[in-house]
Structure formats: structure tokens, C-alpha cells
Amino acid sequence: MHTLYGNSVSGNCWKPAMMLHARGLPFRWIEIDILQGQSRTPEFLARNPNGRVPLLQLPDGRLLAESNAMLLHLGEGSEWIPSDRYQRAKMYEWLFFEQYSHEPYVATVRFWVKYVGKAQEKAQEIVERTARGYAALGVMERALATARFMVGERPTLADVALYAYTHVAPEGGFSLEDYPAIRRWLDRVPTVPGFVPMPFHG
């Protein structure tokens, strides 16, 4: 059985939980309270020196970090990864976009505002990151204006990756009012077979 170390309100941790569920793979969830430093203990750092969740332990004991690497591993051989080379590359493009241009802004602002009470302390940085978060949402809006999912007409790992923090973006103060295509997509993703909602508690 797989073991997933994660935090229930983390979009990055929800991603592999969602994919394990969608693939029908039984797994054990171990809640890690990052605000209490549980990902920084010597025991956890021995498993993941980067001191972050999620962390996936495979049935044979091997460990895998980084949420999108987990998605790729768990999605291997399924329809979640396009068979067409170009479509597959577009999926990778969105996975890299999510971690470089979306998550550092949308997710980080949410974390500061909702979970650690740093809205005033980080006020100027929040203004800057919010602007870049809206830029990322604009890129998504343009893509979804002409497609049902991030890569065409079928859901892929790109949809899992980007749904994770887009659907909770308002918790960080982001308004989705001006993004009708994103709002329609946010309604569409939960209808995909195997979907489980966030927060995920195991």
C-alpha cells in the first residue's frame, strides 16, 4: 500500500491523494502539521531532506517528493496522460507553469492570509504576488476560453495540478469574477470520475 504524508488543507498534498483515489489505489494518509514543525523533525527530514510535504512512500518503500512528480508517477499508463506526444508536452507545459508561475503566487498569498496571519506583515509582498497571481489566472482564462480542460477536451494531470490552488484562490483574496472560463472549468473538474474534494483528511 502507498503511504502519503500530507497536510489536509494543502493543494500540493491534495494532488497525489486525488490521483491515488482516481486510480483506485489504496493508501494510508499520515497528517503532517506543518505549522507545528512536523515536517522539520529529524525523523521526517530523514525521509525528505527538503522538509516539505507531500511525501509519497511507494509500496516497496521507496520515497518520492514533489507533488507533480507524484502525479506523473501515479498517472503513468492512464488516460490522465495524453498518448499524443504534442498533447503530452502541453500537459508538461502546464505542470511547469503551475509550479513556476501559479503556485508561488496564488498558493503563497493564501497561506499567508488564511493560515499564518501575515496579511499586514507581508502587505507589500502580497500586493506584488497578487498581481503575478492574476497574470497566471489570465493565462489560464485564455486557454480555457476555447477548451473544456487545460489540454483540450479531456482531463489530464494538468487539470489536477491547477485545480488544487485555483479553486481556493478566493481564500487568499483573489476574485474570480472576471474569469468566467475558469469558473466553468472549476465546476467541471469535480464531475470527473474519481474526483475527491479538498481538504483531504484521509
Protein backbone atom coordinates (compact mmCIF):
# COMPACT_ATOMS: atom_id res chain seq x y z
CA MET A 1 0.00 0.00 0.00
CA HIS A 2 1.12 3.55 -0.70
CA THR A 3 1.62 5.94 2.22
CA LEU A 4 1.07 9.66 1.68
CA TYR A 5 2.43 12.16 4.19
CA GLY A 6 0.46 15.35 3.75
CA ASN A 7 -1.40 18.30 5.17
CA SER A 8 -5.16 18.25 4.65
CA VAL A 9 -5.53 21.88 3.54
CA SER A 10 -2.57 21.83 1.13
CA GLY A 11 -3.35 21.82 -2.58
CA ASN A 12 0.00 20.21 -3.29
CA CYS A 13 -0.88 17.35 -0.93
CA TRP A 14 -4.36 17.02 -2.39
CA LYS A 15 -2.92 16.36 -5.87
CA PRO A 16 -1.42 12.89 -5.19
CA ALA A 17 -4.36 12.00 -2.90
CA MET A 18 -6.70 12.81 -5.75
CA MET A 19 -4.71 10.73 -8.22
CA LEU A 20 -4.38 7.74 -5.87
CA HIS A 21 -8.15 7.83 -5.40
CA ALA A 22 -8.82 8.25 -9.12
CA ARG A 23 -6.60 5.27 -9.95
CA GLY A 24 -8.25 3.12 -7.27
CA LEU A 25 -5.00 2.66 -5.36
CA PRO A 26 -5.45 2.06 -1.62
CA PHE A 27 -3.24 4.26 0.52
CA ARG A 28 -2.59 5.36 4.07
CA TRP A 29 -2.74 9.09 4.84
CA ILE A 30 -0.50 10.48 7.56
CA GLU A 31 -1.36 14.04 8.56
CA ILE A 32 1.65 16.32 8.97
CA ASP A 33 1.06 19.61 10.81
CA ILE A 34 3.50 21.94 9.07
CA LEU A 35 2.59 24.85 11.35
CA GLN A 36 3.81 22.77 14.30
CA GLY A 37 7.06 21.92 12.51
CA GLN A 38 6.25 18.26 11.95
CA SER A 39 7.90 18.33 8.51
CA ARG A 40 11.13 19.55 10.09
CA THR A 41 11.68 16.81 12.65
CA PRO A 42 14.80 14.62 12.32
CA GLU A 43 12.54 11.65 11.56
CA PHE A 44 10.78 13.42 8.71
CA LEU A 45 13.97 15.01 7.34
CA ALA A 46 15.47 11.52 7.12
CA ARG A 47 12.69 10.71 4.67
CA ASN A 48 12.69 14.04 2.82
CA PRO A 49 15.72 16.28 3.40
CA ASN A 50 13.77 19.15 1.80
CA GLY A 51 11.45 19.09 4.81
CA ARG A 52 8.25 19.51 2.85
CA VAL A 53 5.00 17.70 2.19
CA PRO A 54 3.63 15.91 0.31
CA LEU A 55 5.86 12.88 0.52
CA LEU A 56 4.82 9.61 -1.08
CA GLN A 57 6.12 6.25 0.07
CA LEU A 58 5.63 3.57 -2.55
CA PRO A 59 4.51 0.06 -1.60
CA ASP A 60 8.13 -1.15 -1.93
CA GLY A 61 9.34 1.52 0.50
CA ARG A 62 10.89 3.93 -2.00
CA LEU A 63 10.14 7.62 -1.47
CA LEU A 64 9.04 10.31 -3.89
CA ALA A 65 8.80 14.04 -3.22
CA GLU A 66 7.35 16.92 -5.28
CA SER A 67 3.63 16.83 -6.00
CA ASN A 68 3.82 16.97 -9.79
CA ALA A 69 6.41 14.18 -9.86
CA MET A 70 3.89 12.12 -7.87
CA LEU A 71 1.15 12.97 -10.37
CA LEU A 72 3.32 11.79 -13.25
CA HIS A 73 4.25 8.58 -11.45
CA LEU A 74 0.70 7.77 -10.39
CA GLY A 75 -0.79 8.74 -13.75
CA GLU A 76 1.59 6.54 -15.74
CA GLY A 77 -0.26 4.29 -18.18
CA SER A 78 -3.62 6.00 -17.72
CA GLU A 79 -5.78 8.37 -19.73
CA TRP A 80 -4.70 11.17 -17.40
CA ILE A 81 -1.54 11.41 -19.52
CA PRO A 82 -2.20 12.02 -23.25
CA SER A 83 -0.84 9.44 -25.66
CA ASP A 84 -0.24 12.10 -28.33
CA ARG A 85 3.30 13.49 -27.98
CA TYR A 86 2.33 17.12 -28.50
CA GLN A 87 -0.66 16.92 -26.15
CA ARG A 88 1.56 15.25 -23.58
CA ALA A 89 4.12 18.05 -23.94
CA LYS A 90 1.34 20.62 -23.46
CA MET A 91 0.39 18.84 -20.25
CA TYR A 92 4.01 19.08 -19.07
CA GLU A 93 3.97 22.75 -20.03
CA TRP A 94 1.04 23.38 -17.69
CA LEU A 95 2.66 21.34 -14.90
CA PHE A 96 5.77 23.53 -15.08
CA PHE A 97 3.60 26.66 -15.34
CA GLU A 98 1.70 25.63 -12.21
CA GLN A 99 4.82 25.30 -10.08
CA TYR A 100 6.67 28.32 -11.50
CA SER A 101 4.00 30.89 -12.41
CA HIS A 102 0.90 29.96 -10.41
CA GLU A 103 1.57 28.19 -7.10
CA PRO A 104 4.26 30.63 -5.81
CA TYR A 105 1.73 33.46 -6.02
CA VAL A 106 -1.79 32.11 -5.63
CA ALA A 107 -0.92 29.46 -3.02
CA THR A 108 1.60 31.53 -1.09
CA VAL A 109 -0.74 34.50 -0.68
CA ARG A 110 -3.49 32.15 0.51
CA PHE A 111 -1.13 30.61 3.06
CA TRP A 112 -0.02 33.99 4.41
CA VAL A 113 -3.54 35.42 4.58
CA LYS A 114 -5.59 32.43 5.75
CA TYR A 115 -3.24 30.25 7.78
CA VAL A 116 -0.42 32.26 9.32
CA GLY A 117 -1.99 35.70 9.75
CA LYS A 118 0.70 37.62 7.89
CA ALA A 119 -1.56 39.87 5.81
CA GLN A 120 -0.14 43.03 7.42
CA GLU A 121 3.44 41.85 7.83
CA LYS A 122 3.62 40.77 4.18
CA ALA A 123 1.36 43.52 2.79
CA GLN A 124 3.73 44.84 0.11
CA GLU A 125 4.84 41.39 -0.97
CA ILE A 126 1.21 40.28 -1.13
CA VAL A 127 0.44 43.16 -3.49
CA GLU A 128 3.27 42.06 -5.78
CA ARG A 129 2.44 38.37 -5.63
CA THR A 130 -1.26 39.02 -6.13
CA ALA A 131 -0.52 40.87 -9.37
CA ARG A 132 1.51 37.92 -10.63
CA GLY A 133 -1.20 35.52 -9.48
CA TYR A 134 -3.76 37.40 -11.53
CA ALA A 135 -1.40 37.25 -14.50
CA ALA A 136 -1.31 33.45 -14.17
CA LEU A 137 -5.10 33.31 -13.93
CA GLY A 138 -5.27 35.39 -17.11
CA VAL A 139 -3.16 32.83 -18.95
CA MET A 140 -5.48 30.07 -17.79
CA GLU A 141 -8.58 32.06 -18.72
CA ARG A 142 -7.39 32.49 -22.30
CA ALA A 143 -6.65 28.77 -22.64
CA LEU A 144 -9.97 27.68 -21.12
CA ALA A 145 -11.99 30.09 -23.26
CA THR A 146 -11.56 27.67 -26.17
CA ALA A 147 -11.26 24.29 -24.41
CA ARG A 148 -13.10 22.29 -21.76
CA PHE A 149 -9.91 21.33 -19.95
CA MET A 150 -6.34 22.62 -19.78
CA VAL A 151 -5.24 20.32 -22.63
CA GLY A 152 -8.21 20.07 -24.95
CA GLU A 153 -11.41 18.16 -24.35
CA ARG A 154 -10.26 15.56 -21.84
CA PRO A 155 -8.97 15.99 -18.28
CA THR A 156 -5.26 15.44 -17.72
CA LEU A 157 -2.83 15.78 -14.85
CA ALA A 158 -2.64 19.48 -15.74
CA ASP A 159 -6.21 19.92 -14.53
CA VAL A 160 -5.45 18.24 -11.21
CA ALA A 161 -2.34 20.37 -10.72
CA LEU A 162 -4.03 23.67 -11.49
CA TYR A 163 -7.36 22.95 -9.80
CA ALA A 164 -5.54 22.45 -6.49
CA TYR A 165 -4.93 26.12 -5.73
CA THR A 166 -7.18 27.84 -8.27
CA HIS A 167 -10.37 26.64 -6.59
CA VAL A 168 -9.25 28.08 -3.24
CA ALA A 169 -7.75 31.27 -4.69
CA PRO A 170 -10.53 33.41 -3.12
CA GLU A 171 -9.21 32.34 0.31
CA GLY A 172 -6.17 34.46 -0.50
CA GLY A 173 -8.22 37.41 -1.67
CA PHE A 174 -8.27 36.60 -5.39
CA SER A 175 -11.56 37.37 -7.11
CA LEU A 176 -12.57 35.03 -9.95
CA GLU A 177 -15.44 37.26 -11.05
CA ASP A 178 -13.65 38.34 -14.23
CA TYR A 179 -12.67 34.77 -15.16
CA PRO A 180 -15.83 33.07 -16.47
CA ALA A 181 -13.96 30.32 -18.32
CA ILE A 182 -12.06 29.41 -15.15
CA ARG A 183 -15.30 29.36 -13.15
CA ARG A 184 -16.91 26.97 -15.66
CA TRP A 185 -13.81 24.76 -15.50
CA LEU A 186 -13.90 24.80 -11.69
CA ASP A 187 -17.46 23.43 -11.93
CA ARG A 188 -16.39 20.84 -14.50
CA VAL A 189 -13.38 19.29 -12.75
CA PRO A 190 -15.34 17.87 -9.78
CA THR A 191 -17.53 15.91 -12.22
CA VAL A 192 -14.50 13.90 -13.43
CA PRO A 193 -14.66 10.23 -12.33
CA GLY A 194 -12.57 9.57 -9.24
CA PHE A 195 -12.61 13.16 -8.01
CA VAL A 196 -12.29 13.74 -4.26
CA PRO A 197 -12.70 17.18 -2.68
CA MET A 198 -10.21 19.21 -0.73
CA PRO A 199 -9.47 19.45 2.16
CA PHE A 200 -8.45 15.81 2.13
CA HIS A 201 -8.34 14.14 5.52
CA GLY A 202 -7.54 10.57 4.50
